[in-house]
PDB file of N, CA and C in Angstrom:
ATOM      1  N   UNK A   1     -12.174  37.109  -2.544  1.00  0.00           N
ATOM      2  CA  UNK A   1     -11.718  37.069  -1.182  1.00  0.00           C
ATOM      3  C   UNK A   1     -12.495  35.997  -0.416  1.00  0.00           C
ATOM      4  N   UNK A   2     -11.791  35.099   0.220  1.00  0.00           N
ATOM      5  CA  UNK A   2     -12.420  34.035   0.986  1.00  0.00           C
ATOM      6  C   UNK A   2     -12.555  34.455   2.437  1.00  0.00           C
ATOM      7  N   UNK A   3     -13.674  34.061   3.021  1.00  0.00           N
ATOM      8  CA  UNK A   3     -13.871  34.376   4.437  1.00  0.00           C
ATOM      9  C   UNK A   3     -13.322  33.238   5.302  1.00  0.00           C
ATOM     10  N   UNK A   4     -12.857  33.586   6.469  1.00  0.00           N
ATOM     11  CA  UNK A   4     -12.298  32.625   7.410  1.00  0.00           C
ATOM     12  C   UNK A   4     -12.908  32.869   8.789  1.00  0.00           C
ATOM     13  N   UNK A   5     -12.975  31.810   9.582  1.00  0.00           N
ATOM     14  CA  UNK A   5     -13.459  31.967  10.952  1.00  0.00           C
ATOM     15  C   UNK A   5     -12.271  32.217  11.887  1.00  0.00           C
ATOM     16  N   UNK A   6     -12.521  32.152  13.180  1.00  0.00           N
ATOM     17  CA  UNK A   6     -11.450  32.417  14.159  1.00  0.00           C
ATOM     18  C   UNK A   6     -10.315  31.404  14.085  1.00  0.00           C
ATOM     19  N   UNK A   7     -10.639  30.192  13.657  1.00  0.00           N
ATOM     20  CA  UNK A   7      -9.607  29.154  13.522  1.00  0.00           C
ATOM     21  C   UNK A   7      -8.943  29.187  12.148  1.00  0.00           C
ATOM     22  N   UNK A   8      -9.208  30.245  11.384  1.00  0.00           N
ATOM     23  CA  UNK A   8      -8.643  30.439  10.052  1.00  0.00           C
ATOM     24  C   UNK A   8      -9.099  29.348   9.067  1.00  0.00           C
ATOM     25  N   UNK A   9     -10.347  28.885   9.227  1.00  0.00           N
ATOM     26  CA  UNK A   9     -10.902  27.871   8.348  1.00  0.00           C
ATOM     27  C   UNK A   9     -11.911  28.515   7.397  1.00  0.00           C
ATOM     28  N   UNK A  10     -11.905  28.058   6.158  1.00  0.00           N
ATOM     29  CA  UNK A  10     -12.888  28.526   5.189  1.00  0.00           C
ATOM     30  C   UNK A  10     -14.198  27.770   5.418  1.00  0.00           C
ATOM     31  N   UNK A  11     -15.297  28.269   4.879  1.00  0.00           N
ATOM     32  CA  UNK A  11     -16.561  27.539   5.016  1.00  0.00           C
ATOM     33  C   UNK A  11     -16.476  26.102   4.489  1.00  0.00           C
ATOM     34  N   UNK A  12     -15.761  25.902   3.390  1.00  0.00           N
ATOM     35  CA  UNK A  12     -15.620  24.558   2.836  1.00  0.00           C
ATOM     36  C   UNK A  12     -14.847  23.646   3.786  1.00  0.00           C
ATOM     37  N   UNK A  13     -13.835  24.152   4.434  1.00  0.00           N
ATOM     38  CA  UNK A  13     -13.062  23.354   5.387  1.00  0.00           C
ATOM     39  C   UNK A  13     -13.938  22.929   6.563  1.00  0.00           C
ATOM     40  N   UNK A  14     -14.752  23.852   7.068  1.00  0.00           N
ATOM     41  CA  UNK A  14     -15.653  23.548   8.182  1.00  0.00           C
ATOM     42  C   UNK A  14     -16.682  22.510   7.748  1.00  0.00           C
ATOM     43  N   UNK A  15     -17.245  22.687   6.561  1.00  0.00           N
ATOM     44  CA  UNK A  15     -18.247  21.755   6.045  1.00  0.00           C
ATOM     45  C   UNK A  15     -17.675  20.347   5.942  1.00  0.00           C
ATOM     46  N   UNK A  16     -16.493  20.221   5.355  1.00  0.00           N
ATOM     47  CA  UNK A  16     -15.867  18.903   5.198  1.00  0.00           C
ATOM     48  C   UNK A  16     -15.588  18.253   6.543  1.00  0.00           C
ATOM     49  N   UNK A  17     -15.123  19.040   7.502  1.00  0.00           N
ATOM     50  CA  UNK A  17     -14.813  18.508   8.835  1.00  0.00           C
ATOM     51  C   UNK A  17     -16.088  18.038   9.537  1.00  0.00           C
ATOM     52  N   UNK A  18     -17.144  18.847   9.462  1.00  0.00           N
ATOM     53  CA  UNK A  18     -18.384  18.533  10.158  1.00  0.00           C
ATOM     54  C   UNK A  18     -19.143  17.359   9.529  1.00  0.00           C
ATOM     55  N   UNK A  19     -18.934  17.106   8.242  1.00  0.00           N
ATOM     56  CA  UNK A  19     -19.698  16.081   7.544  1.00  0.00           C
ATOM     57  C   UNK A  19     -18.855  14.874   7.129  1.00  0.00           C
ATOM     58  N   UNK A  20     -17.681  14.712   7.709  1.00  0.00           N
ATOM     59  CA  UNK A  20     -16.809  13.610   7.297  1.00  0.00           C
ATOM     60  C   UNK A  20     -17.429  12.244   7.584  1.00  0.00           C
ATOM     61  N   UNK A  21     -18.126  12.089   8.715  1.00  0.00           N
ATOM     62  CA  UNK A  21     -18.736  10.787   9.019  1.00  0.00           C
ATOM     63  C   UNK A  21     -19.886  10.491   8.058  1.00  0.00           C
ATOM     64  N   UNK A  22     -20.634  11.508   7.682  1.00  0.00           N
ATOM     65  CA  UNK A  22     -21.719  11.318   6.722  1.00  0.00           C
ATOM     66  C   UNK A  22     -21.163  10.906   5.364  1.00  0.00           C
ATOM     67  N   UNK A  23     -20.062  11.502   4.967  1.00  0.00           N
ATOM     68  CA  UNK A  23     -19.416  11.147   3.708  1.00  0.00           C
ATOM     69  C   UNK A  23     -18.968   9.691   3.729  1.00  0.00           C
ATOM     70  N   UNK A  24     -18.388   9.258   4.838  1.00  0.00           N
ATOM     71  CA  UNK A  24     -17.929   7.875   4.958  1.00  0.00           C
ATOM     72  C   UNK A  24     -19.097   6.900   4.883  1.00  0.00           C
ATOM     73  N   UNK A  25     -20.200   7.232   5.549  1.00  0.00           N
ATOM     74  CA  UNK A  25     -21.393   6.376   5.498  1.00  0.00           C
ATOM     75  C   UNK A  25     -21.917   6.276   4.070  1.00  0.00           C
ATOM     76  N   UNK A  26     -21.893   7.381   3.355  1.00  0.00           N
ATOM     77  CA  UNK A  26     -22.336   7.389   1.957  1.00  0.00           C
ATOM     78  C   UNK A  26     -21.456   6.529   1.077  1.00  0.00           C
ATOM     79  N   UNK A  27     -20.161   6.602   1.292  1.00  0.00           N
ATOM     80  CA  UNK A  27     -19.235   5.775   0.521  1.00  0.00           C
ATOM     81  C   UNK A  27     -19.454   4.299   0.806  1.00  0.00           C
ATOM     82  N   UNK A  28     -19.664   3.952   2.072  1.00  0.00           N
ATOM     83  CA  UNK A  28     -19.920   2.558   2.439  1.00  0.00           C
ATOM     84  C   UNK A  28     -21.208   2.061   1.798  1.00  0.00           C
ATOM     85  N   UNK A  29     -22.259   2.897   1.824  1.00  0.00           N
ATOM     86  CA  UNK A  29     -23.535   2.526   1.221  1.00  0.00           C
ATOM     87  C   UNK A  29     -23.375   2.303  -0.277  1.00  0.00           C
ATOM     88  N   UNK A  30     -22.639   3.194  -0.935  1.00  0.00           N
ATOM     89  CA  UNK A  30     -22.434   3.052  -2.376  1.00  0.00           C
ATOM     90  C   UNK A  30     -21.688   1.761  -2.704  1.00  0.00           C
ATOM     91  N   UNK A  31     -20.693   1.408  -1.895  1.00  0.00           N
ATOM     92  CA  UNK A  31     -19.930   0.181  -2.129  1.00  0.00           C
ATOM     93  C   UNK A  31     -20.822  -1.050  -1.954  1.00  0.00           C
ATOM     94  N   UNK A  32     -21.653  -1.059  -0.920  1.00  0.00           N
ATOM     95  CA  UNK A  32     -22.562  -2.187  -0.699  1.00  0.00           C
ATOM     96  C   UNK A  32     -23.569  -2.310  -1.839  1.00  0.00           C
ATOM     97  N   UNK A  33     -24.084  -1.174  -2.307  1.00  0.00           N
ATOM     98  CA  UNK A  33     -25.043  -1.181  -3.412  1.00  0.00           C
ATOM     99  C   UNK A  33     -24.386  -1.697  -4.683  1.00  0.00           C
ATOM    100  N   UNK A  34     -23.176  -1.261  -4.946  1.00  0.00           N
ATOM    101  CA  UNK A  34     -22.443  -1.721  -6.130  1.00  0.00           C
ATOM    102  C   UNK A  34     -22.214  -3.217  -6.067  1.00  0.00           C
ATOM    103  N   UNK A  35     -21.808  -3.725  -4.914  1.00  0.00           N
ATOM    104  CA  UNK A  35     -21.586  -5.163  -4.760  1.00  0.00           C
ATOM    105  C   UNK A  35     -22.872  -5.936  -5.009  1.00  0.00           C
ATOM    106  N   UNK A  36     -23.978  -5.452  -4.482  1.00  0.00           N
ATOM    107  CA  UNK A  36     -25.263  -6.125  -4.653  1.00  0.00           C
ATOM    108  C   UNK A  36     -25.666  -6.188  -6.123  1.00  0.00           C
ATOM    109  N   UNK A  37     -25.536  -5.081  -6.832  1.00  0.00           N
ATOM    110  CA  UNK A  37     -25.912  -5.073  -8.244  1.00  0.00           C
ATOM    111  C   UNK A  37     -24.974  -5.904  -9.094  1.00  0.00           C
ATOM    112  N   UNK A  38     -23.710  -5.979  -8.727  1.00  0.00           N
ATOM    113  CA  UNK A  38     -22.761  -6.804  -9.464  1.00  0.00           C
ATOM    114  C   UNK A  38     -23.158  -8.268  -9.360  1.00  0.00           C
ATOM    115  N   UNK A  39     -23.542  -8.707  -8.175  1.00  0.00           N
ATOM    116  CA  UNK A  39     -23.969 -10.096  -7.978  1.00  0.00           C
ATOM    117  C   UNK A  39     -25.241 -10.374  -8.775  1.00  0.00           C
ATOM    118  N   UNK A  40     -26.211  -9.464  -8.712  1.00  0.00           N
ATOM    119  CA  UNK A  40     -27.471  -9.660  -9.440  1.00  0.00           C
ATOM    120  C   UNK A  40     -27.230  -9.704 -10.942  1.00  0.00           C
ATOM    121  N   UNK A  41     -26.390  -8.823 -11.439  1.00  0.00           N
ATOM    122  CA  UNK A  41     -26.094  -8.793 -12.866  1.00  0.00           C
ATOM    123  C   UNK A  41     -25.422 -10.082 -13.302  1.00  0.00           C
ATOM    124  N   UNK A  42     -24.503 -10.588 -12.501  1.00  0.00           N
ATOM    125  CA  UNK A  42     -23.820 -11.841 -12.824  1.00  0.00           C
ATOM    126  C   UNK A  42     -24.815 -12.987 -12.896  1.00  0.00           C
ATOM    127  N   UNK A  43     -25.742 -13.051 -11.946  1.00  0.00           N
ATOM    128  CA  UNK A  43     -26.746 -14.118 -11.963  1.00  0.00           C
ATOM    129  C   UNK A  43     -27.642 -14.024 -13.188  1.00  0.00           C
ATOM    130  N   UNK A  44     -28.032 -12.827 -13.568  1.00  0.00           N
ATOM    131  CA  UNK A  44     -28.875 -12.651 -14.757  1.00  0.00           C
ATOM    132  C   UNK A  44     -28.125 -13.087 -16.009  1.00  0.00           C
ATOM    133  N   UNK A  45     -26.866 -12.726 -16.117  1.00  0.00           N
ATOM    134  CA  UNK A  45     -26.067 -13.129 -17.283  1.00  0.00           C
ATOM    135  C   UNK A  45     -25.950 -14.644 -17.354  1.00  0.00           C
ATOM    136  N   UNK A  46     -25.735 -15.284 -16.215  1.00  0.00           N
ATOM    137  CA  UNK A  46     -25.636 -16.750 -16.181  1.00  0.00           C
ATOM    138  C   UNK A  46     -26.959 -17.373 -16.622  1.00  0.00           C
ATOM    139  N   UNK A  47     -28.069 -16.830 -16.149  1.00  0.00           N
ATOM    140  CA  UNK A  47     -29.376 -17.371 -16.523  1.00  0.00           C
ATOM    141  C   UNK A  47     -29.622 -17.265 -18.023  1.00  0.00           C
ATOM    142  N   UNK A  48     -29.310 -16.117 -18.602  1.00  0.00           N
ATOM    143  CA  UNK A  48     -29.534 -15.934 -20.040  1.00  0.00           C
ATOM    144  C   UNK A  48     -28.555 -16.746 -20.875  1.00  0.00           C
ATOM    145  N   UNK A  49     -27.345 -16.945 -20.383  1.00  0.00           N
ATOM    146  CA  UNK A  49     -26.384 -17.729 -21.169  1.00  0.00           C
ATOM    147  C   UNK A  49     -26.747 -19.199 -21.173  1.00  0.00           C
ATOM    148  N   UNK A  50     -27.456 -19.675 -20.176  1.00  0.00           N
ATOM    149  CA  UNK A  50     -27.861 -21.074 -20.128  1.00  0.00           C
ATOM    150  C   UNK A  50     -29.072 -21.334 -21.012  1.00  0.00           C
ATOM    151  N   UNK A  51     -29.832 -20.312 -21.344  1.00  0.00           N
ATOM    152  CA  UNK A  51     -31.015 -20.466 -22.187  1.00  0.00           C
ATOM    153  C   UNK A  51     -30.629 -20.690 -23.655  1.00  0.00           C
ATOM    154  N   UNK A  52     -29.468 -20.237 -24.046  1.00  0.00           N
ATOM    155  CA  UNK A  52     -29.069 -20.315 -25.465  1.00  0.00           C
ATOM    156  C   UNK A  52     -28.566 -21.684 -25.836  1.00  0.00           C
TER     157      UNK A  52
END
C-alpha cells in the first residue's frame, strides 16, 4: 500500500518535484565533465600516435 499526501502524491512524486532543479544541475555537470574528458583523451591519443 502506497501512502499519499493531501494532493494525492506519493513520496517519490514529491521528491522528484522538489529536486528537479538539482537533477538538472547534475545532468549539466555530468555533460560538461564528459566533454572535458573527451577532449583530454583525444589530445593524449594524438600525442601518443605522433610518438610512433
